Amino acid sequence: MAKNYSASLRADGPFVFVSGQLPEAPDGSVAEGDAVEQTRQVFRNIEAALAPHGADLRHVVKLTYYLRHIADLQSVRQVLREFLVHEPRPASTLVEVNGLADSRCLVEIEAVAALPAPDRRDGQG
C-alpha cells in the first residue's frame, strides 16, 4: 500500500506557513456533515490561503493533522487522495486531540509550502 506521506522531504525556500485551518466556509459557517465533508472544506481553505502567494497544494511539503477522533483517519485519507494527487506526498504528522477551537469541528490541518525559486530569465540576477 502506498503511503499517504513522505518520511522526509528536502525543500528549498521561501516558505509559506498556513495556520491551522478549520472546516469553515468563507461566510464563517462550519461545514455540515462528517469528517469527509469537513476535511474537503479544510483543503479548500488551504488552497485559498496558498493562492495569494502563487502556490497551490503541489507546493505543500508538510501537513499537520489534528483529529478529534482517530476513527476519522480513513475519512481524512480518502479526501487526502482527492486533493493531493502529486508526488512526492508531503511529510505529515497526525495528532488526536480532545477538542478544537470550535466544538463542531472534527479536523484541523496546518500546512507548510515551499515556493519555487523565482524565474531568473527576466534578466535580473
N, C-alpha and C. Protein backbone atom coordinates (compact mmCIF):
# COMPACT_ATOMS: atom_id res chain seq x y z
N MET A 1 0.84 -1.18 0.00
CA MET A 1 0.00 0.00 0.00
C MET A 1 0.88 1.25 0.00
N ALA A 2 0.61 2.16 -0.89
CA ALA A 2 1.37 3.40 -0.97
C ALA A 2 1.09 4.26 0.26
N LYS A 3 2.14 4.90 0.74
CA LYS A 3 1.98 5.80 1.87
C LYS A 3 1.31 7.09 1.40
N ASN A 4 0.60 7.71 2.33
CA ASN A 4 -0.04 8.99 2.06
C ASN A 4 0.87 10.16 2.41
N TYR A 5 2.13 9.86 2.73
CA TYR A 5 3.05 10.91 3.14
C TYR A 5 4.47 10.47 2.80
N SER A 6 5.40 11.43 2.83
CA SER A 6 6.82 11.12 2.68
C SER A 6 7.45 11.13 4.06
N ALA A 7 8.36 10.21 4.31
CA ALA A 7 9.04 10.15 5.60
C ALA A 7 9.93 11.37 5.78
N SER A 8 10.52 11.85 4.69
CA SER A 8 11.31 13.08 4.73
C SER A 8 11.26 13.70 3.34
N LEU A 9 11.52 15.00 3.31
CA LEU A 9 11.43 15.73 2.06
C LEU A 9 12.32 16.96 2.17
N ARG A 10 13.23 17.14 1.24
CA ARG A 10 14.06 18.34 1.22
C ARG A 10 13.34 19.40 0.42
N ALA A 11 13.27 20.59 0.96
CA ALA A 11 12.59 21.68 0.27
C ALA A 11 13.44 22.94 0.33
N ASP A 12 13.49 23.64 -0.79
CA ASP A 12 14.15 24.94 -0.83
C ASP A 12 13.11 26.01 -0.60
N GLY A 13 13.45 27.08 0.13
CA GLY A 13 12.52 28.15 0.42
C GLY A 13 12.38 29.07 -0.76
N PRO A 14 11.64 30.13 -0.65
CA PRO A 14 10.95 30.60 0.55
C PRO A 14 9.72 29.75 0.87
N PHE A 15 9.28 29.88 2.10
CA PHE A 15 8.18 29.07 2.59
C PHE A 15 6.94 29.90 2.87
N VAL A 16 5.79 29.25 2.79
CA VAL A 16 4.52 29.83 3.21
C VAL A 16 4.00 28.92 4.32
N PHE A 17 3.71 29.51 5.47
CA PHE A 17 3.19 28.77 6.61
C PHE A 17 1.70 29.07 6.74
N VAL A 18 0.89 28.05 6.59
CA VAL A 18 -0.56 28.21 6.66
C VAL A 18 -1.03 27.79 8.04
N SER A 19 -1.63 28.71 8.76
CA SER A 19 -2.17 28.42 10.08
C SER A 19 -3.18 27.30 10.01
N GLY A 20 -3.40 26.65 11.13
CA GLY A 20 -4.38 25.57 11.19
C GLY A 20 -5.71 26.02 10.63
N GLN A 21 -6.22 25.25 9.68
CA GLN A 21 -7.48 25.58 9.02
C GLN A 21 -8.58 24.67 9.54
N LEU A 22 -9.67 25.29 9.93
CA LEU A 22 -10.86 24.58 10.37
C LEU A 22 -11.81 24.44 9.18
N PRO A 23 -12.82 23.60 9.29
CA PRO A 23 -13.76 23.41 8.17
C PRO A 23 -14.81 24.51 8.09
N GLU A 24 -14.34 25.76 8.02
CA GLU A 24 -15.24 26.90 7.95
C GLU A 24 -15.31 27.41 6.52
N ALA A 25 -16.51 27.66 6.06
CA ALA A 25 -16.74 28.26 4.74
C ALA A 25 -16.39 29.74 4.82
N PRO A 26 -16.23 30.41 3.68
CA PRO A 26 -15.92 31.85 3.70
C PRO A 26 -16.91 32.68 4.49
N ASP A 27 -18.18 32.24 4.59
CA ASP A 27 -19.17 33.00 5.35
C ASP A 27 -19.09 32.73 6.86
N GLY A 28 -18.13 31.89 7.28
CA GLY A 28 -17.95 31.61 8.70
C GLY A 28 -18.70 30.39 9.21
N SER A 29 -19.56 29.82 8.38
CA SER A 29 -20.30 28.64 8.81
C SER A 29 -19.38 27.42 8.78
N VAL A 30 -19.64 26.48 9.68
CA VAL A 30 -18.87 25.24 9.73
C VAL A 30 -19.50 24.24 8.78
N ALA A 31 -18.65 23.56 8.00
CA ALA A 31 -19.15 22.56 7.06
C ALA A 31 -19.99 21.52 7.78
N GLU A 32 -21.15 21.29 7.24
CA GLU A 32 -22.05 20.28 7.79
C GLU A 32 -21.55 18.90 7.40
N GLY A 33 -21.89 17.91 8.20
CA GLY A 33 -21.58 16.55 7.81
C GLY A 33 -20.44 15.94 8.57
N ASP A 34 -19.93 14.87 7.99
CA ASP A 34 -18.93 14.04 8.64
C ASP A 34 -17.52 14.56 8.38
N ALA A 35 -16.55 13.75 8.78
CA ALA A 35 -15.15 14.14 8.62
C ALA A 35 -14.76 14.29 7.16
N VAL A 36 -15.39 13.56 6.25
CA VAL A 36 -15.09 13.70 4.82
C VAL A 36 -15.43 15.11 4.36
N GLU A 37 -16.64 15.55 4.61
CA GLU A 37 -17.05 16.89 4.17
C GLU A 37 -16.24 17.98 4.88
N GLN A 38 -15.97 17.79 6.15
CA GLN A 38 -15.19 18.79 6.88
C GLN A 38 -13.76 18.86 6.35
N THR A 39 -13.16 17.71 6.04
CA THR A 39 -11.79 17.70 5.53
C THR A 39 -11.73 18.33 4.14
N ARG A 40 -12.73 18.09 3.32
CA ARG A 40 -12.78 18.75 2.00
C ARG A 40 -12.76 20.27 2.15
N GLN A 41 -13.55 20.78 3.09
CA GLN A 41 -13.58 22.23 3.31
C GLN A 41 -12.23 22.73 3.81
N VAL A 42 -11.59 21.97 4.68
CA VAL A 42 -10.27 22.36 5.17
C VAL A 42 -9.29 22.47 4.01
N PHE A 43 -9.27 21.47 3.12
CA PHE A 43 -8.35 21.54 1.99
C PHE A 43 -8.68 22.70 1.05
N ARG A 44 -9.97 23.01 0.87
CA ARG A 44 -10.32 24.20 0.07
C ARG A 44 -9.79 25.46 0.75
N ASN A 45 -9.83 25.51 2.06
CA ASN A 45 -9.30 26.67 2.79
C ASN A 45 -7.79 26.78 2.65
N ILE A 46 -7.10 25.64 2.68
CA ILE A 46 -5.65 25.66 2.48
C ILE A 46 -5.32 26.15 1.08
N GLU A 47 -6.06 25.68 0.09
CA GLU A 47 -5.85 26.15 -1.29
C GLU A 47 -6.03 27.67 -1.36
N ALA A 48 -7.06 28.18 -0.72
CA ALA A 48 -7.34 29.62 -0.74
C ALA A 48 -6.23 30.40 -0.03
N ALA A 49 -5.68 29.85 1.03
CA ALA A 49 -4.61 30.52 1.77
C ALA A 49 -3.31 30.55 0.97
N LEU A 50 -3.07 29.53 0.16
CA LEU A 50 -1.85 29.46 -0.64
C LEU A 50 -1.91 30.33 -1.88
N ALA A 51 -3.09 30.48 -2.46
CA ALA A 51 -3.25 31.16 -3.75
C ALA A 51 -2.64 32.56 -3.81
N PRO A 52 -2.81 33.43 -2.80
CA PRO A 52 -2.22 34.77 -2.91
C PRO A 52 -0.70 34.77 -3.00
N HIS A 53 -0.08 33.65 -2.66
CA HIS A 53 1.38 33.54 -2.70
C HIS A 53 1.86 32.85 -3.97
N GLY A 54 0.94 32.58 -4.89
CA GLY A 54 1.30 31.90 -6.12
C GLY A 54 1.59 30.42 -5.91
N ALA A 55 1.03 29.87 -4.86
CA ALA A 55 1.26 28.47 -4.52
C ALA A 55 -0.04 27.69 -4.56
N ASP A 56 0.09 26.38 -4.61
CA ASP A 56 -1.07 25.50 -4.52
C ASP A 56 -0.64 24.23 -3.78
N LEU A 57 -1.50 23.25 -3.76
CA LEU A 57 -1.22 22.05 -2.97
C LEU A 57 0.02 21.29 -3.45
N ARG A 58 0.43 21.47 -4.71
CA ARG A 58 1.67 20.84 -5.19
C ARG A 58 2.89 21.34 -4.45
N HIS A 59 2.81 22.53 -3.87
CA HIS A 59 3.94 23.13 -3.17
C HIS A 59 4.01 22.75 -1.69
N VAL A 60 3.00 22.07 -1.19
CA VAL A 60 2.96 21.72 0.23
C VAL A 60 4.00 20.64 0.52
N VAL A 61 4.84 20.91 1.52
CA VAL A 61 5.89 19.96 1.91
C VAL A 61 5.63 19.34 3.29
N LYS A 62 4.71 19.93 4.07
CA LYS A 62 4.43 19.41 5.41
C LYS A 62 3.00 19.71 5.79
N LEU A 63 2.31 18.70 6.31
CA LEU A 63 0.95 18.86 6.84
C LEU A 63 0.91 18.33 8.26
N THR A 64 0.19 19.02 9.11
CA THR A 64 -0.07 18.53 10.46
C THR A 64 -1.57 18.44 10.63
N TYR A 65 -2.04 17.24 10.94
CA TYR A 65 -3.47 16.96 11.10
C TYR A 65 -3.81 16.87 12.57
N TYR A 66 -4.89 17.51 12.96
CA TYR A 66 -5.42 17.40 14.31
C TYR A 66 -6.83 16.83 14.20
N LEU A 67 -7.04 15.63 14.73
CA LEU A 67 -8.33 14.96 14.64
C LEU A 67 -8.94 14.80 16.02
N ARG A 68 -10.22 15.07 16.12
CA ARG A 68 -10.93 14.85 17.39
C ARG A 68 -11.11 13.36 17.65
N HIS A 69 -11.25 12.58 16.57
CA HIS A 69 -11.49 11.14 16.71
C HIS A 69 -10.57 10.41 15.75
N ILE A 70 -9.67 9.60 16.27
CA ILE A 70 -8.74 8.86 15.42
C ILE A 70 -9.49 7.95 14.45
N ALA A 71 -10.70 7.58 14.79
CA ALA A 71 -11.52 6.74 13.90
C ALA A 71 -11.82 7.46 12.58
N ASP A 72 -11.67 8.77 12.51
CA ASP A 72 -11.90 9.53 11.28
C ASP A 72 -10.70 9.50 10.33
N LEU A 73 -9.64 8.81 10.70
CA LEU A 73 -8.43 8.81 9.88
C LEU A 73 -8.69 8.31 8.46
N GLN A 74 -9.47 7.26 8.29
CA GLN A 74 -9.75 6.76 6.94
C GLN A 74 -10.49 7.79 6.10
N SER A 75 -11.40 8.52 6.72
CA SER A 75 -12.12 9.59 6.00
C SER A 75 -11.16 10.68 5.55
N VAL A 76 -10.24 11.05 6.42
CA VAL A 76 -9.26 12.08 6.08
C VAL A 76 -8.35 11.59 4.95
N ARG A 77 -7.94 10.34 5.01
CA ARG A 77 -7.09 9.78 3.95
C ARG A 77 -7.82 9.75 2.61
N GLN A 78 -9.10 9.47 2.63
CA GLN A 78 -9.91 9.48 1.40
C GLN A 78 -9.84 10.86 0.74
N VAL A 79 -10.03 11.90 1.53
CA VAL A 79 -10.00 13.26 0.99
C VAL A 79 -8.58 13.64 0.57
N LEU A 80 -7.61 13.22 1.34
CA LEU A 80 -6.22 13.50 1.01
C LEU A 80 -5.91 12.98 -0.39
N ARG A 81 -6.39 11.80 -0.74
CA ARG A 81 -6.15 11.24 -2.08
C ARG A 81 -6.86 12.05 -3.17
N GLU A 82 -7.95 12.73 -2.83
CA GLU A 82 -8.65 13.58 -3.79
C GLU A 82 -7.87 14.85 -4.09
N PHE A 83 -7.28 15.43 -3.05
CA PHE A 83 -6.64 16.75 -3.18
C PHE A 83 -5.14 16.67 -3.47
N LEU A 84 -4.47 15.68 -2.93
CA LEU A 84 -3.02 15.57 -3.09
C LEU A 84 -2.71 14.46 -4.08
N VAL A 85 -2.75 14.81 -5.35
CA VAL A 85 -2.57 13.82 -6.41
C VAL A 85 -1.13 13.82 -6.95
N HIS A 86 -0.29 14.63 -6.41
CA HIS A 86 1.09 14.76 -6.89
C HIS A 86 2.05 13.92 -6.04
N GLU A 87 3.23 13.73 -6.54
CA GLU A 87 4.33 13.08 -5.82
C GLU A 87 5.48 14.07 -5.78
N PRO A 88 6.28 14.10 -4.77
CA PRO A 88 6.13 13.29 -3.56
C PRO A 88 5.03 13.85 -2.67
N ARG A 89 4.48 12.99 -1.85
CA ARG A 89 3.49 13.43 -0.87
C ARG A 89 4.20 14.25 0.20
N PRO A 90 3.49 15.20 0.81
CA PRO A 90 4.11 15.97 1.89
C PRO A 90 4.44 15.08 3.09
N ALA A 91 5.44 15.48 3.84
CA ALA A 91 5.67 14.87 5.13
C ALA A 91 4.45 15.23 5.99
N SER A 92 4.13 14.41 6.98
CA SER A 92 2.94 14.73 7.77
C SER A 92 3.04 14.19 9.18
N THR A 93 2.23 14.80 10.03
CA THR A 93 2.08 14.39 11.42
C THR A 93 0.60 14.38 11.74
N LEU A 94 0.18 13.37 12.47
CA LEU A 94 -1.22 13.24 12.88
C LEU A 94 -1.28 13.25 14.40
N VAL A 95 -2.17 14.07 14.94
CA VAL A 95 -2.35 14.16 16.38
C VAL A 95 -3.84 14.05 16.69
N GLU A 96 -4.19 13.17 17.61
CA GLU A 96 -5.57 13.12 18.10
C GLU A 96 -5.66 14.09 19.27
N VAL A 97 -6.70 14.93 19.25
CA VAL A 97 -6.87 15.96 20.27
C VAL A 97 -8.22 15.82 20.94
N ASN A 98 -8.33 16.36 22.15
CA ASN A 98 -9.61 16.33 22.87
C ASN A 98 -10.62 17.31 22.31
N GLY A 99 -10.15 18.39 21.73
CA GLY A 99 -11.06 19.39 21.19
C GLY A 99 -10.32 20.37 20.31
N LEU A 100 -11.09 21.12 19.54
CA LEU A 100 -10.55 22.16 18.67
C LEU A 100 -11.19 23.48 19.05
N ALA A 101 -10.80 24.55 18.38
CA ALA A 101 -11.30 25.88 18.73
C ALA A 101 -12.81 26.00 18.65
N ASP A 102 -13.43 25.22 17.79
CA ASP A 102 -14.89 25.20 17.65
C ASP A 102 -15.33 23.76 17.87
N SER A 103 -16.20 23.53 18.80
CA SER A 103 -16.59 22.17 19.19
C SER A 103 -17.31 21.41 18.06
N ARG A 104 -17.78 22.11 17.03
CA ARG A 104 -18.43 21.44 15.89
C ARG A 104 -17.43 20.85 14.92
N CYS A 105 -16.17 21.22 15.06
CA CYS A 105 -15.14 20.80 14.12
C CYS A 105 -14.53 19.46 14.52
N LEU A 106 -14.34 18.63 13.51
CA LEU A 106 -13.74 17.31 13.71
C LEU A 106 -12.28 17.27 13.30
N VAL A 107 -11.85 18.23 12.48
CA VAL A 107 -10.50 18.22 11.93
C VAL A 107 -9.96 19.63 11.78
N GLU A 108 -8.66 19.76 11.97
CA GLU A 108 -7.93 21.00 11.69
C GLU A 108 -6.61 20.57 11.05
N ILE A 109 -6.18 21.31 10.04
CA ILE A 109 -4.94 20.96 9.35
C ILE A 109 -4.14 22.23 9.12
N GLU A 110 -2.83 22.16 9.43
CA GLU A 110 -1.93 23.26 9.09
C GLU A 110 -0.95 22.77 8.03
N ALA A 111 -0.41 23.71 7.26
CA ALA A 111 0.44 23.34 6.13
C ALA A 111 1.65 24.25 6.03
N VAL A 112 2.71 23.69 5.45
CA VAL A 112 3.89 24.46 5.07
C VAL A 112 4.13 24.18 3.60
N ALA A 113 4.28 25.25 2.82
CA ALA A 113 4.55 25.12 1.39
C ALA A 113 5.89 25.76 1.07
N ALA A 114 6.60 25.16 0.14
CA ALA A 114 7.87 25.71 -0.35
C ALA A 114 7.61 26.27 -1.74
N LEU A 115 7.83 27.57 -1.88
CA LEU A 115 7.60 28.21 -3.18
C LEU A 115 8.75 27.91 -4.12
N PRO A 116 8.48 27.80 -5.40
CA PRO A 116 9.56 27.56 -6.36
C PRO A 116 10.48 28.77 -6.42
N ALA A 117 11.72 28.51 -6.81
CA ALA A 117 12.68 29.60 -6.97
C ALA A 117 12.17 30.55 -8.06
N PRO A 118 12.41 31.86 -7.89
CA PRO A 118 11.96 32.81 -8.91
C PRO A 118 12.64 32.52 -10.25
N ASP A 119 11.93 32.80 -11.30
CA ASP A 119 12.46 32.61 -12.64
C ASP A 119 13.50 33.68 -12.90
N ARG A 120 14.73 33.28 -13.12
CA ARG A 120 15.83 34.23 -13.32
C ARG A 120 16.02 34.60 -14.77
N ARG A 121 15.14 34.17 -15.66
CA ARG A 121 15.26 34.50 -17.07
C ARG A 121 14.83 35.92 -17.39
N ASP A 122 14.41 36.67 -16.35
CA ASP A 122 13.93 38.04 -16.61
C ASP A 122 15.07 39.03 -16.69
N GLY A 123 16.34 38.52 -16.65
CA GLY A 123 17.48 39.43 -16.76
C GLY A 123 17.91 40.04 -15.45
N GLN A 124 17.24 39.72 -14.38
CA GLN A 124 17.62 40.25 -13.06
C GLN A 124 18.25 39.14 -12.26
N GLY A 125 19.51 39.24 -11.99
CA GLY A 125 20.18 38.26 -11.15
C GLY A 125 20.96 37.36 -11.91
